[in-house]
């Protein structure tokens, strides 16, 4: 079975579509979730080195979710646990959920580290 190659970045067209959606205050973001799930490595980590290697691209996704939450309060459909947890952390970051509620929804090792960092910032 061939190894899956993930982009772990937004194609230019996707980035433009994202920014355009933010500027237009779009309420339709499921396409973005699906793009991320299809093009990013969303497997959990087993070491802090793995966290460091993958954190930049996934923290950008957290930032994108924060931008989306500023204009859209919608519960999306996720196929992957890690992306759903990153979304929950972004909700905590913008004050849309309480710390205790977010902590209950975070179970992956990657998200635990990300959540811890969001608590100290």
PDB file of N, CA and C in Angstrom:
ATOM      1  N   UNK A   1       0.835  -1.178   0.000  1.00  0.00           N
ATOM      2  CA  UNK A   1       0.000   0.000   0.000  1.00  0.00           C
ATOM      3  C   UNK A   1       0.881   1.242   0.000  1.00  0.00           C
ATOM      4  N   UNK A   2       0.709   2.142  -0.959  1.00  0.00           N
ATOM      5  CA  UNK A   2       1.564   3.329  -1.025  1.00  0.00           C
ATOM      6  C   UNK A   2       1.293   4.291   0.122  1.00  0.00           C
ATOM      7  N   UNK A   3       2.354   4.976   0.530  1.00  0.00           N
ATOM      8  CA  UNK A   3       2.229   5.972   1.598  1.00  0.00           C
ATOM      9  C   UNK A   3       1.489   7.194   1.054  1.00  0.00           C
ATOM     10  N   UNK A   4       0.585   7.709   1.839  1.00  0.00           N
ATOM     11  CA  UNK A   4      -0.188   8.889   1.444  1.00  0.00           C
ATOM     12  C   UNK A   4       0.684  10.121   1.612  1.00  0.00           C
ATOM     13  N   UNK A   5       0.709  10.953   0.605  1.00  0.00           N
ATOM     14  CA  UNK A   5       1.459  12.211   0.660  1.00  0.00           C
ATOM     15  C   UNK A   5       0.488  13.350   0.949  1.00  0.00           C
ATOM     16  N   UNK A   6       0.683  13.985   2.066  1.00  0.00           N
ATOM     17  CA  UNK A   6      -0.156  15.108   2.450  1.00  0.00           C
ATOM     18  C   UNK A   6       0.526  16.406   2.063  1.00  0.00           C
ATOM     19  N   UNK A   7      -0.262  17.381   1.663  1.00  0.00           N
ATOM     20  CA  UNK A   7       0.278  18.699   1.341  1.00  0.00           C
ATOM     21  C   UNK A   7       0.646  19.455   2.618  1.00  0.00           C
ATOM     22  N   UNK A   8      -0.257  19.437   3.581  1.00  0.00           N
ATOM     23  CA  UNK A   8      -0.088  20.171   4.839  1.00  0.00           C
ATOM     24  C   UNK A   8       0.060  21.679   4.630  1.00  0.00           C
ATOM     25  N   UNK A   9      -0.555  22.177   3.571  1.00  0.00           N
ATOM     26  CA  UNK A   9      -0.627  23.608   3.333  1.00  0.00           C
ATOM     27  C   UNK A   9      -1.837  23.877   2.448  1.00  0.00           C
ATOM     28  N   UNK A  10      -2.257  25.127   2.415  1.00  0.00           N
ATOM     29  CA  UNK A  10      -3.380  25.523   1.574  1.00  0.00           C
ATOM     30  C   UNK A  10      -2.863  25.890   0.186  1.00  0.00           C
ATOM     31  N   UNK A  11      -3.447  25.275  -0.840  1.00  0.00           N
ATOM     32  CA  UNK A  11      -3.149  25.702  -2.205  1.00  0.00           C
ATOM     33  C   UNK A  11      -3.535  27.166  -2.349  1.00  0.00           C
ATOM     34  N   UNK A  12      -2.915  27.854  -3.299  1.00  0.00           N
ATOM     35  CA  UNK A  12      -3.188  29.280  -3.503  1.00  0.00           C
ATOM     36  C   UNK A  12      -4.683  29.535  -3.718  1.00  0.00           C
ATOM     37  N   UNK A  13      -5.327  28.715  -4.566  1.00  0.00           N
ATOM     38  CA  UNK A  13      -6.752  28.913  -4.850  1.00  0.00           C
ATOM     39  C   UNK A  13      -7.598  28.748  -3.588  1.00  0.00           C
ATOM     40  N   UNK A  14      -7.222  27.801  -2.755  1.00  0.00           N
ATOM     41  CA  UNK A  14      -7.955  27.558  -1.505  1.00  0.00           C
ATOM     42  C   UNK A  14      -7.743  28.730  -0.554  1.00  0.00           C
ATOM     43  N   UNK A  15      -6.524  29.221  -0.467  1.00  0.00           N
ATOM     44  CA  UNK A  15      -6.238  30.372   0.393  1.00  0.00           C
ATOM     45  C   UNK A  15      -7.056  31.585  -0.054  1.00  0.00           C
ATOM     46  N   UNK A  16      -7.114  31.820  -1.358  1.00  0.00           N
ATOM     47  CA  UNK A  16      -7.893  32.939  -1.892  1.00  0.00           C
ATOM     48  C   UNK A  16      -9.373  32.743  -1.570  1.00  0.00           C
ATOM     49  N   UNK A  17      -9.877  31.532  -1.755  1.00  0.00           N
ATOM     50  CA  UNK A  17     -11.290  31.243  -1.460  1.00  0.00           C
ATOM     51  C   UNK A  17     -11.571  31.452   0.029  1.00  0.00           C
ATOM     52  N   UNK A  18     -10.626  31.054   0.886  1.00  0.00           N
ATOM     53  CA  UNK A  18     -10.777  31.236   2.333  1.00  0.00           C
ATOM     54  C   UNK A  18     -10.860  32.726   2.677  1.00  0.00           C
ATOM     55  N   UNK A  19      -9.907  33.513   2.190  1.00  0.00           N
ATOM     56  CA  UNK A  19      -9.882  34.951   2.487  1.00  0.00           C
ATOM     57  C   UNK A  19     -11.137  35.627   1.943  1.00  0.00           C
ATOM     58  N   UNK A  20     -11.550  35.242   0.737  1.00  0.00           N
ATOM     59  CA  UNK A  20     -12.767  35.796   0.153  1.00  0.00           C
ATOM     60  C   UNK A  20     -13.980  35.487   1.035  1.00  0.00           C
ATOM     61  N   UNK A  21     -14.042  34.249   1.554  1.00  0.00           N
ATOM     62  CA  UNK A  21     -15.139  33.863   2.443  1.00  0.00           C
ATOM     63  C   UNK A  21     -15.144  34.666   3.737  1.00  0.00           C
ATOM     64  N   UNK A  22     -13.966  34.920   4.278  1.00  0.00           N
ATOM     65  CA  UNK A  22     -13.858  35.736   5.497  1.00  0.00           C
ATOM     66  C   UNK A  22     -14.359  37.148   5.207  1.00  0.00           C
ATOM     67  N   UNK A  23     -13.912  37.723   4.100  1.00  0.00           N
ATOM     68  CA  UNK A  23     -14.313  39.089   3.766  1.00  0.00           C
ATOM     69  C   UNK A  23     -15.818  39.206   3.501  1.00  0.00           C
ATOM     70  N   UNK A  24     -16.412  38.152   2.972  1.00  0.00           N
ATOM     71  CA  UNK A  24     -17.847  38.162   2.674  1.00  0.00           C
ATOM     72  C   UNK A  24     -18.693  37.664   3.848  1.00  0.00           C
ATOM     73  N   UNK A  25     -18.030  37.339   4.964  1.00  0.00           N
ATOM     74  CA  UNK A  25     -18.710  36.819   6.152  1.00  0.00           C
ATOM     75  C   UNK A  25     -19.532  35.566   5.814  1.00  0.00           C
ATOM     76  N   UNK A  26     -18.929  34.684   5.058  1.00  0.00           N
ATOM     77  CA  UNK A  26     -19.591  33.453   4.634  1.00  0.00           C
ATOM     78  C   UNK A  26     -19.987  32.606   5.838  1.00  0.00           C
ATOM     79  N   UNK A  27     -21.079  31.902   5.694  1.00  0.00           N
ATOM     80  CA  UNK A  27     -21.522  30.952   6.720  1.00  0.00           C
ATOM     81  C   UNK A  27     -21.330  29.515   6.228  1.00  0.00           C
ATOM     82  N   UNK A  28     -20.733  29.348   5.070  1.00  0.00           N
ATOM     83  CA  UNK A  28     -20.523  28.038   4.462  1.00  0.00           C
ATOM     84  C   UNK A  28     -19.038  27.689   4.518  1.00  0.00           C
ATOM     85  N   UNK A  29     -18.643  26.854   5.473  1.00  0.00           N
ATOM     86  CA  UNK A  29     -17.242  26.500   5.651  1.00  0.00           C
ATOM     87  C   UNK A  29     -16.987  24.997   5.622  1.00  0.00           C
ATOM     88  N   UNK A  30     -18.012  24.211   5.357  1.00  0.00           N
ATOM     89  CA  UNK A  30     -17.807  22.764   5.341  1.00  0.00           C
ATOM     90  C   UNK A  30     -16.790  22.365   4.265  1.00  0.00           C
ATOM     91  N   UNK A  31     -16.759  23.080   3.155  1.00  0.00           N
ATOM     92  CA  UNK A  31     -15.785  22.797   2.098  1.00  0.00           C
ATOM     93  C   UNK A  31     -14.361  22.909   2.632  1.00  0.00           C
ATOM     94  N   UNK A  32     -14.118  23.883   3.533  1.00  0.00           N
ATOM     95  CA  UNK A  32     -12.784  24.085   4.100  1.00  0.00           C
ATOM     96  C   UNK A  32     -12.405  22.911   4.997  1.00  0.00           C
ATOM     97  N   UNK A  33     -13.341  22.472   5.815  1.00  0.00           N
ATOM     98  CA  UNK A  33     -13.109  21.308   6.683  1.00  0.00           C
ATOM     99  C   UNK A  33     -12.726  20.101   5.826  1.00  0.00           C
ATOM    100  N   UNK A  34     -13.473  19.862   4.767  1.00  0.00           N
ATOM    101  CA  UNK A  34     -13.215  18.713   3.899  1.00  0.00           C
ATOM    102  C   UNK A  34     -11.859  18.828   3.204  1.00  0.00           C
ATOM    103  N   UNK A  35     -11.484  20.027   2.791  1.00  0.00           N
ATOM    104  CA  UNK A  35     -10.170  20.224   2.181  1.00  0.00           C
ATOM    105  C   UNK A  35      -9.065  19.855   3.178  1.00  0.00           C
ATOM    106  N   UNK A  36      -9.179  20.340   4.390  1.00  0.00           N
ATOM    107  CA  UNK A  36      -8.164  20.063   5.409  1.00  0.00           C
ATOM    108  C   UNK A  36      -8.097  18.561   5.668  1.00  0.00           C
ATOM    109  N   UNK A  37      -9.231  17.920   5.809  1.00  0.00           N
ATOM    110  CA  UNK A  37      -9.237  16.487   6.097  1.00  0.00           C
ATOM    111  C   UNK A  37      -8.652  15.665   4.952  1.00  0.00           C
ATOM    112  N   UNK A  38      -8.758  16.154   3.746  1.00  0.00           N
ATOM    113  CA  UNK A  38      -8.223  15.436   2.589  1.00  0.00           C
ATOM    114  C   UNK A  38      -6.754  15.731   2.313  1.00  0.00           C
ATOM    115  N   UNK A  39      -6.241  16.853   2.792  1.00  0.00           N
ATOM    116  CA  UNK A  39      -4.909  17.296   2.395  1.00  0.00           C
ATOM    117  C   UNK A  39      -3.895  17.472   3.526  1.00  0.00           C
ATOM    118  N   UNK A  40      -4.310  17.251   4.745  1.00  0.00           N
ATOM    119  CA  UNK A  40      -3.408  17.400   5.892  1.00  0.00           C
ATOM    120  C   UNK A  40      -3.252  16.071   6.622  1.00  0.00           C
ATOM    121  N   UNK A  41      -2.078  15.883   7.198  1.00  0.00           N
ATOM    122  CA  UNK A  41      -1.847  14.718   8.042  1.00  0.00           C
ATOM    123  C   UNK A  41      -2.509  14.997   9.386  1.00  0.00           C
ATOM    124  N   UNK A  42      -3.595  14.285   9.652  1.00  0.00           N
ATOM    125  CA  UNK A  42      -4.351  14.503  10.886  1.00  0.00           C
ATOM    126  C   UNK A  42      -4.291  13.290  11.811  1.00  0.00           C
ATOM    127  N   UNK A  43      -3.234  12.507  11.663  1.00  0.00           N
ATOM    128  CA  UNK A  43      -3.013  11.392  12.579  1.00  0.00           C
ATOM    129  C   UNK A  43      -2.419  11.949  13.865  1.00  0.00           C
ATOM    130  N   UNK A  44      -2.653  11.237  14.950  1.00  0.00           N
ATOM    131  CA  UNK A  44      -2.115  11.698  16.229  1.00  0.00           C
ATOM    132  C   UNK A  44      -0.603  11.485  16.261  1.00  0.00           C
ATOM    133  N   UNK A  45       0.026  12.057  17.240  1.00  0.00           N
ATOM    134  CA  UNK A  45       1.477  11.976  17.389  1.00  0.00           C
ATOM    135  C   UNK A  45       1.831  11.001  18.505  1.00  0.00           C
ATOM    136  N   UNK A  46       3.109  10.605  18.530  1.00  0.00           N
ATOM    137  CA  UNK A  46       3.563   9.731  19.609  1.00  0.00           C
ATOM    138  C   UNK A  46       4.777  10.302  20.333  1.00  0.00           C
ATOM    139  N   UNK A  47       5.216  11.508  19.928  1.00  0.00           N
ATOM    140  CA  UNK A  47       6.352  12.136  20.598  1.00  0.00           C
ATOM    141  C   UNK A  47       6.275  13.654  20.443  1.00  0.00           C
ATOM    142  N   UNK A  48       7.026  14.331  21.285  1.00  0.00           N
ATOM    143  CA  UNK A  48       7.068  15.785  21.184  1.00  0.00           C
ATOM    144  C   UNK A  48       7.766  16.222  19.901  1.00  0.00           C
ATOM    145  N   UNK A  49       8.709  15.442  19.422  1.00  0.00           N
ATOM    146  CA  UNK A  49       9.389  15.743  18.155  1.00  0.00           C
ATOM    147  C   UNK A  49       8.366  15.746  17.022  1.00  0.00           C
ATOM    148  N   UNK A  50       7.461  14.777  17.009  1.00  0.00           N
ATOM    149  CA  UNK A  50       6.399  14.754  16.001  1.00  0.00           C
ATOM    150  C   UNK A  50       5.531  16.004  16.128  1.00  0.00           C
ATOM    151  N   UNK A  51       5.227  16.395  17.353  1.00  0.00           N
ATOM    152  CA  UNK A  51       4.444  17.620  17.566  1.00  0.00           C
ATOM    153  C   UNK A  51       5.157  18.806  16.928  1.00  0.00           C
ATOM    154  N   UNK A  52       6.444  18.949  17.195  1.00  0.00           N
ATOM    155  CA  UNK A  52       7.201  20.072  16.645  1.00  0.00           C
ATOM    156  C   UNK A  52       7.223  20.039  15.124  1.00  0.00           C
ATOM    157  N   UNK A  53       7.348  18.859  14.551  1.00  0.00           N
ATOM    158  CA  UNK A  53       7.423  18.734  13.098  1.00  0.00           C
ATOM    159  C   UNK A  53       6.106  19.078  12.406  1.00  0.00           C
ATOM    160  N   UNK A  54       4.996  18.856  13.069  1.00  0.00           N
ATOM    161  CA  UNK A  54       3.700  19.059  12.439  1.00  0.00           C
ATOM    162  C   UNK A  54       2.941  20.264  12.972  1.00  0.00           C
ATOM    163  N   UNK A  55       3.415  20.872  14.024  1.00  0.00           N
ATOM    164  CA  UNK A  55       2.626  21.912  14.687  1.00  0.00           C
ATOM    165  C   UNK A  55       2.428  23.164  13.839  1.00  0.00           C
ATOM    166  N   UNK A  56       3.412  23.593  13.080  1.00  0.00           N
ATOM    167  CA  UNK A  56       3.257  24.844  12.319  1.00  0.00           C
ATOM    168  C   UNK A  56       2.058  24.797  11.394  1.00  0.00           C
ATOM    169  N   UNK A  57       1.929  23.728  10.625  1.00  0.00           N
ATOM    170  CA  UNK A  57       0.815  23.658   9.679  1.00  0.00           C
ATOM    171  C   UNK A  57      -0.527  23.554  10.402  1.00  0.00           C
ATOM    172  N   UNK A  58      -0.567  22.841  11.506  1.00  0.00           N
ATOM    173  CA  UNK A  58      -1.839  22.673  12.214  1.00  0.00           C
ATOM    174  C   UNK A  58      -2.196  23.889  13.062  1.00  0.00           C
ATOM    175  N   UNK A  59      -1.216  24.617  13.532  1.00  0.00           N
ATOM    176  CA  UNK A  59      -1.500  25.862  14.253  1.00  0.00           C
ATOM    177  C   UNK A  59      -2.075  26.894  13.287  1.00  0.00           C
ATOM    178  N   UNK A  60      -1.642  26.858  12.028  1.00  0.00           N
ATOM    179  CA  UNK A  60      -2.249  27.740  11.016  1.00  0.00           C
ATOM    180  C   UNK A  60      -3.725  27.405  10.837  1.00  0.00           C
ATOM    181  N   UNK A  61      -4.053  26.126  10.913  1.00  0.00           N
ATOM    182  CA  UNK A  61      -5.461  25.715  10.815  1.00  0.00           C
ATOM    183  C   UNK A  61      -6.234  26.248  12.023  1.00  0.00           C
ATOM    184  N   UNK A  62      -5.638  26.169  13.200  1.00  0.00           N
ATOM    185  CA  UNK A  62      -6.256  26.751  14.395  1.00  0.00           C
ATOM    186  C   UNK A  62      -6.528  28.230  14.164  1.00  0.00           C
ATOM    187  N   UNK A  63      -5.568  28.939  13.619  1.00  0.00           N
ATOM    188  CA  UNK A  63      -5.741  30.360  13.318  1.00  0.00           C
ATOM    189  C   UNK A  63      -6.861  30.582  12.306  1.00  0.00           C
ATOM    190  N   UNK A  64      -6.945  29.728  11.297  1.00  0.00           N
ATOM    191  CA  UNK A  64      -8.037  29.827  10.324  1.00  0.00           C
ATOM    192  C   UNK A  64      -9.384  29.615  11.000  1.00  0.00           C
ATOM    193  N   UNK A  65      -9.456  28.640  11.901  1.00  0.00           N
ATOM    194  CA  UNK A  65     -10.705  28.397  12.627  1.00  0.00           C
ATOM    195  C   UNK A  65     -11.082  29.606  13.480  1.00  0.00           C
ATOM    196  N   UNK A  66     -10.100  30.243  14.086  1.00  0.00           N
ATOM    197  CA  UNK A  66     -10.373  31.441  14.884  1.00  0.00           C
ATOM    198  C   UNK A  66     -10.980  32.522  14.002  1.00  0.00           C
ATOM    199  N   UNK A  67     -10.443  32.699  12.803  1.00  0.00           N
ATOM    200  CA  UNK A  67     -11.006  33.668  11.860  1.00  0.00           C
ATOM    201  C   UNK A  67     -12.434  33.302  11.476  1.00  0.00           C
ATOM    202  N   UNK A  68     -12.678  32.037  11.244  1.00  0.00           N
ATOM    203  CA  UNK A  68     -14.029  31.588  10.890  1.00  0.00           C
ATOM    204  C   UNK A  68     -14.991  31.845  12.041  1.00  0.00           C
ATOM    205  N   UNK A  69     -14.572  31.553  13.266  1.00  0.00           N
ATOM    206  CA  UNK A  69     -15.444  31.721  14.426  1.00  0.00           C
ATOM    207  C   UNK A  69     -15.795  33.180  14.697  1.00  0.00           C
ATOM    208  N   UNK A  70     -14.990  34.085  14.216  1.00  0.00           N
ATOM    209  CA  UNK A  70     -15.304  35.505  14.388  1.00  0.00           C
ATOM    210  C   UNK A  70     -16.496  35.935  13.543  1.00  0.00           C
ATOM    211  N   UNK A  71     -16.808  35.166  12.510  1.00  0.00           N
ATOM    212  CA  UNK A  71     -17.921  35.529  11.626  1.00  0.00           C
ATOM    213  C   UNK A  71     -19.000  34.454  11.549  1.00  0.00           C
ATOM    214  N   UNK A  72     -18.726  33.262  12.059  1.00  0.00           N
ATOM    215  CA  UNK A  72     -19.645  32.144  11.874  1.00  0.00           C
ATOM    216  C   UNK A  72     -19.627  31.254  13.110  1.00  0.00           C
ATOM    217  N   UNK A  73     -20.770  31.056  13.718  1.00  0.00           N
ATOM    218  CA  UNK A  73     -20.895  30.154  14.867  1.00  0.00           C
ATOM    219  C   UNK A  73     -21.712  28.951  14.419  1.00  0.00           C
ATOM    220  N   UNK A  74     -21.017  27.964  13.882  1.00  0.00           N
ATOM    221  CA  UNK A  74     -21.692  26.829  13.287  1.00  0.00           C
ATOM    222  C   UNK A  74     -20.959  25.563  13.693  1.00  0.00           C
ATOM    223  N   UNK A  75     -21.694  24.501  13.951  1.00  0.00           N
ATOM    224  CA  UNK A  75     -21.079  23.211  14.253  1.00  0.00           C
ATOM    225  C   UNK A  75     -20.897  22.438  12.958  1.00  0.00           C
ATOM    226  N   UNK A  76     -19.657  22.132  12.632  1.00  0.00           N
ATOM    227  CA  UNK A  76     -19.325  21.459  11.395  1.00  0.00           C
ATOM    228  C   UNK A  76     -19.289  19.949  11.579  1.00  0.00           C
ATOM    229  N   UNK A  77     -19.277  19.248  10.474  1.00  0.00           N
ATOM    230  CA  UNK A  77     -19.151  17.791  10.475  1.00  0.00           C
ATOM    231  C   UNK A  77     -17.683  17.450  10.228  1.00  0.00           C
ATOM    232  N   UNK A  78     -17.107  16.670  11.122  1.00  0.00           N
ATOM    233  CA  UNK A  78     -15.705  16.275  11.013  1.00  0.00           C
ATOM    234  C   UNK A  78     -15.608  14.764  10.843  1.00  0.00           C
ATOM    235  N   UNK A  79     -14.662  14.334  10.014  1.00  0.00           N
ATOM    236  CA  UNK A  79     -14.374  12.909   9.871  1.00  0.00           C
ATOM    237  C   UNK A  79     -13.201  12.500  10.753  1.00  0.00           C
ATOM    238  N   UNK A  80     -12.399  13.469  11.175  1.00  0.00           N
ATOM    239  CA  UNK A  80     -11.199  13.159  11.949  1.00  0.00           C
ATOM    240  C   UNK A  80     -11.271  13.791  13.334  1.00  0.00           C
ATOM    241  N   UNK A  81     -10.845  13.028  14.302  1.00  0.00           N
ATOM    242  CA  UNK A  81     -10.878  13.481  15.695  1.00  0.00           C
ATOM    243  C   UNK A  81      -9.956  14.674  15.895  1.00  0.00           C
ATOM    244  N   UNK A  82      -8.742  14.609  15.351  1.00  0.00           N
ATOM    245  CA  UNK A  82      -7.773  15.676  15.581  1.00  0.00           C
ATOM    246  C   UNK A  82      -8.282  17.024  15.085  1.00  0.00           C
ATOM    247  N   UNK A  83      -8.865  17.062  13.905  1.00  0.00           N
ATOM    248  CA  UNK A  83      -9.370  18.336  13.391  1.00  0.00           C
ATOM    249  C   UNK A  83     -10.532  18.854  14.232  1.00  0.00           C
ATOM    250  N   UNK A  84     -11.392  17.976  14.682  1.00  0.00           N
ATOM    251  CA  UNK A  84     -12.497  18.391  15.536  1.00  0.00           C
ATOM    252  C   UNK A  84     -11.959  18.967  16.848  1.00  0.00           C
ATOM    253  N   UNK A  85     -10.916  18.360  17.378  1.00  0.00           N
ATOM    254  CA  UNK A  85     -10.333  18.867  18.622  1.00  0.00           C
ATOM    255  C   UNK A  85      -9.653  20.225  18.415  1.00  0.00           C
ATOM    256  N   UNK A  86      -8.995  20.410  17.286  1.00  0.00           N
ATOM    257  CA  UNK A  86      -8.394  21.712  16.989  1.00  0.00           C
ATOM    258  C   UNK A  86      -9.484  22.778  16.896  1.00  0.00           C
ATOM    259  N   UNK A  87     -10.614  22.410  16.314  1.00  0.00           N
ATOM    260  CA  UNK A  87     -11.747  23.332  16.242  1.00  0.00           C
ATOM    261  C   UNK A  87     -12.257  23.674  17.645  1.00  0.00           C
ATOM    262  N   UNK A  88     -12.351  22.676  18.509  1.00  0.00           N
ATOM    263  CA  UNK A  88     -12.794  22.922  19.894  1.00  0.00           C
ATOM    264  C   UNK A  88     -11.826  23.838  20.625  1.00  0.00           C
ATOM    265  N   UNK A  89     -10.543  23.661  20.405  1.00  0.00           N
ATOM    266  CA  UNK A  89      -9.540  24.534  21.036  1.00  0.00           C
ATOM    267  C   UNK A  89      -9.688  25.958  20.514  1.00  0.00           C
ATOM    268  N   UNK A  90      -9.971  26.109  19.236  1.00  0.00           N
ATOM    269  CA  UNK A  90     -10.173  27.461  18.692  1.00  0.00           C
ATOM    270  C   UNK A  90     -11.408  28.105  19.306  1.00  0.00           C
ATOM    271  N   UNK A  91     -12.442  27.302  19.576  1.00  0.00           N
ATOM    272  CA  UNK A  91     -13.632  27.838  20.244  1.00  0.00           C
ATOM    273  C   UNK A  91     -13.280  28.321  21.650  1.00  0.00           C
ATOM    274  N   UNK A  92     -12.442  27.580  22.353  1.00  0.00           N
ATOM    275  CA  UNK A  92     -11.998  28.026  23.679  1.00  0.00           C
ATOM    276  C   UNK A  92     -11.197  29.331  23.545  1.00  0.00           C
ATOM    277  N   UNK A  93     -10.319  29.371  22.569  1.00  0.00           N
ATOM    278  CA  UNK A  93      -9.450  30.529  22.371  1.00  0.00           C
ATOM    279  C   UNK A  93     -10.243  31.814  22.164  1.00  0.00           C
ATOM    280  N   UNK A  94     -11.372  31.730  21.445  1.00  0.00           N
ATOM    281  CA  UNK A  94     -12.176  32.939  21.192  1.00  0.00           C
ATOM    282  C   UNK A  94     -13.236  33.162  22.273  1.00  0.00           C
ATOM    283  N   UNK A  95     -13.296  32.281  23.257  1.00  0.00           N
ATOM    284  CA  UNK A  95     -14.249  32.454  24.345  1.00  0.00           C
ATOM    285  C   UNK A  95     -15.628  31.881  24.067  1.00  0.00           C
ATOM    286  N   UNK A  96     -15.751  31.032  23.042  1.00  0.00           N
ATOM    287  CA  UNK A  96     -17.050  30.444  22.701  1.00  0.00           C
ATOM    288  C   UNK A  96     -17.366  29.206  23.526  1.00  0.00           C
ATOM    289  N   UNK A  97     -16.395  28.715  24.282  1.00  0.00           N
ATOM    290  CA  UNK A  97     -16.614  27.584  25.177  1.00  0.00           C
ATOM    291  C   UNK A  97     -15.709  27.745  26.395  1.00  0.00           C
ATOM    292  N   UNK A  98     -16.091  27.117  27.470  1.00  0.00           N
ATOM    293  CA  UNK A  98     -15.322  27.193  28.721  1.00  0.00           C
ATOM    294  C   UNK A  98     -14.164  26.198  28.711  1.00  0.00           C
ATOM    295  N   UNK A  99     -13.150  26.484  29.513  1.00  0.00           N
ATOM    296  CA  UNK A  99     -11.965  25.629  29.599  1.00  0.00           C
ATOM    297  C   UNK A  99     -12.319  24.193  29.943  1.00  0.00           C
ATOM    298  N   UNK A 100     -13.186  24.010  30.917  1.00  0.00           N
ATOM    299  CA  UNK A 100     -13.545  22.653  31.351  1.00  0.00           C
ATOM    300  C   UNK A 100     -14.251  21.883  30.238  1.00  0.00           C
ATOM    301  N   UNK A 101     -15.126  22.556  29.524  1.00  0.00           N
ATOM    302  CA  UNK A 101     -15.844  21.926  28.415  1.00  0.00           C
ATOM    303  C   UNK A 101     -14.874  21.518  27.310  1.00  0.00           C
ATOM    304  N   UNK A 102     -13.948  22.391  26.990  1.00  0.00           N
ATOM    305  CA  UNK A 102     -12.954  22.099  25.957  1.00  0.00           C
ATOM    306  C   UNK A 102     -12.061  20.934  26.397  1.00  0.00           C
ATOM    307  N   UNK A 103     -11.630  20.955  27.648  1.00  0.00           N
ATOM    308  CA  UNK A 103     -10.743  19.897  28.143  1.00  0.00           C
ATOM    309  C   UNK A 103     -11.393  18.521  28.030  1.00  0.00           C
ATOM    310  N   UNK A 104     -12.697  18.448  28.235  1.00  0.00           N
ATOM    311  CA  UNK A 104     -13.418  17.176  28.111  1.00  0.00           C
ATOM    312  C   UNK A 104     -13.434  16.657  26.676  1.00  0.00           C
ATOM    313  N   UNK A 105     -13.290  17.555  25.709  1.00  0.00           N
ATOM    314  CA  UNK A 105     -13.390  17.181  24.299  1.00  0.00           C
ATOM    315  C   UNK A 105     -12.032  16.949  23.638  1.00  0.00           C
ATOM    316  N   UNK A 106     -10.962  17.068  24.416  1.00  0.00           N
ATOM    317  CA  UNK A 106      -9.609  16.903  23.881  1.00  0.00           C
ATOM    318  C   UNK A 106      -9.039  15.584  24.389  1.00  0.00           C
ATOM    319  N   UNK A 107      -8.716  14.676  23.452  1.00  0.00           N
ATOM    320  CA  UNK A 107      -8.176  13.381  23.867  1.00  0.00           C
ATOM    321  C   UNK A 107      -6.895  12.993  23.142  1.00  0.00           C
ATOM    322  N   UNK A 108      -6.635  13.551  21.975  1.00  0.00           N
ATOM    323  CA  UNK A 108      -5.417  13.183  21.235  1.00  0.00           C
ATOM    324  C   UNK A 108      -4.202  13.846  21.883  1.00  0.00           C
ATOM    325  N   UNK A 109      -3.063  13.227  21.718  1.00  0.00           N
ATOM    326  CA  UNK A 109      -1.835  13.774  22.304  1.00  0.00           C
ATOM    327  C   UNK A 109      -1.498  15.135  21.704  1.00  0.00           C
ATOM    328  N   UNK A 110      -1.650  15.264  20.396  1.00  0.00           N
ATOM    329  CA  UNK A 110      -1.377  16.546  19.749  1.00  0.00           C
ATOM    330  C   UNK A 110      -2.254  17.647  20.347  1.00  0.00           C
ATOM    331  N   UNK A 111      -3.529  17.377  20.457  1.00  0.00           N
ATOM    332  CA  UNK A 111      -4.470  18.388  20.958  1.00  0.00           C
ATOM    333  C   UNK A 111      -4.231  18.712  22.427  1.00  0.00           C
ATOM    334  N   UNK A 112      -3.817  17.738  23.203  1.00  0.00           N
ATOM    335  CA  UNK A 112      -3.510  18.009  24.610  1.00  0.00           C
ATOM    336  C   UNK A 112      -2.378  19.025  24.729  1.00  0.00           C
ATOM    337  N   UNK A 113      -1.337  18.863  23.911  1.00  0.00           N
ATOM    338  CA  UNK A 113      -0.227  19.808  23.941  1.00  0.00           C
ATOM    339  C   UNK A 113      -0.676  21.178  23.443  1.00  0.00           C
ATOM    340  N   UNK A 114      -1.407  21.192  22.356  1.00  0.00           N
ATOM    341  CA  UNK A 114      -1.914  22.451  21.802  1.00  0.00           C
ATOM    342  C   UNK A 114      -2.810  23.167  22.801  1.00  0.00           C
ATOM    343  N   UNK A 115      -3.669  22.431  23.478  1.00  0.00           N
ATOM    344  CA  UNK A 115      -4.568  23.016  24.481  1.00  0.00           C
ATOM    345  C   UNK A 115      -3.765  23.582  25.649  1.00  0.00           C
ATOM    346  N   UNK A 116      -2.762  22.848  26.086  1.00  0.00           N
ATOM    347  CA  UNK A 116      -1.899  23.335  27.174  1.00  0.00           C
ATOM    348  C   UNK A 116      -1.244  24.654  26.779  1.00  0.00           C
ATOM    349  N   UNK A 117      -0.726  24.734  25.558  1.00  0.00           N
ATOM    350  CA  UNK A 117      -0.113  25.979  25.104  1.00  0.00           C
ATOM    351  C   UNK A 117      -1.144  27.110  25.025  1.00  0.00           C
ATOM    352  N   UNK A 118      -2.378  26.792  24.668  1.00  0.00           N
ATOM    353  CA  UNK A 118      -3.396  27.836  24.589  1.00  0.00           C
ATOM    354  C   UNK A 118      -3.763  28.341  25.987  1.00  0.00           C
ATOM    355  N   UNK A 119      -3.608  27.498  26.990  1.00  0.00           N
ATOM    356  CA  UNK A 119      -3.892  27.919  28.365  1.00  0.00           C
ATOM    357  C   UNK A 119      -2.854  28.896  28.894  1.00  0.00           C
ATOM    358  N   UNK A 120      -1.620  28.727  28.483  1.00  0.00           N
ATOM    359  CA  UNK A 120      -0.556  29.585  29.014  1.00  0.00           C
ATOM    360  C   UNK A 120      -0.385  30.871  28.222  1.00  0.00           C
ATOM    361  N   UNK A 121      -1.050  30.979  27.083  1.00  0.00           N
ATOM    362  CA  UNK A 121      -0.954  32.225  26.289  1.00  0.00           C
ATOM    363  C   UNK A 121      -2.002  33.210  26.698  1.00  0.00           C
TER     364      UNK A 121
END
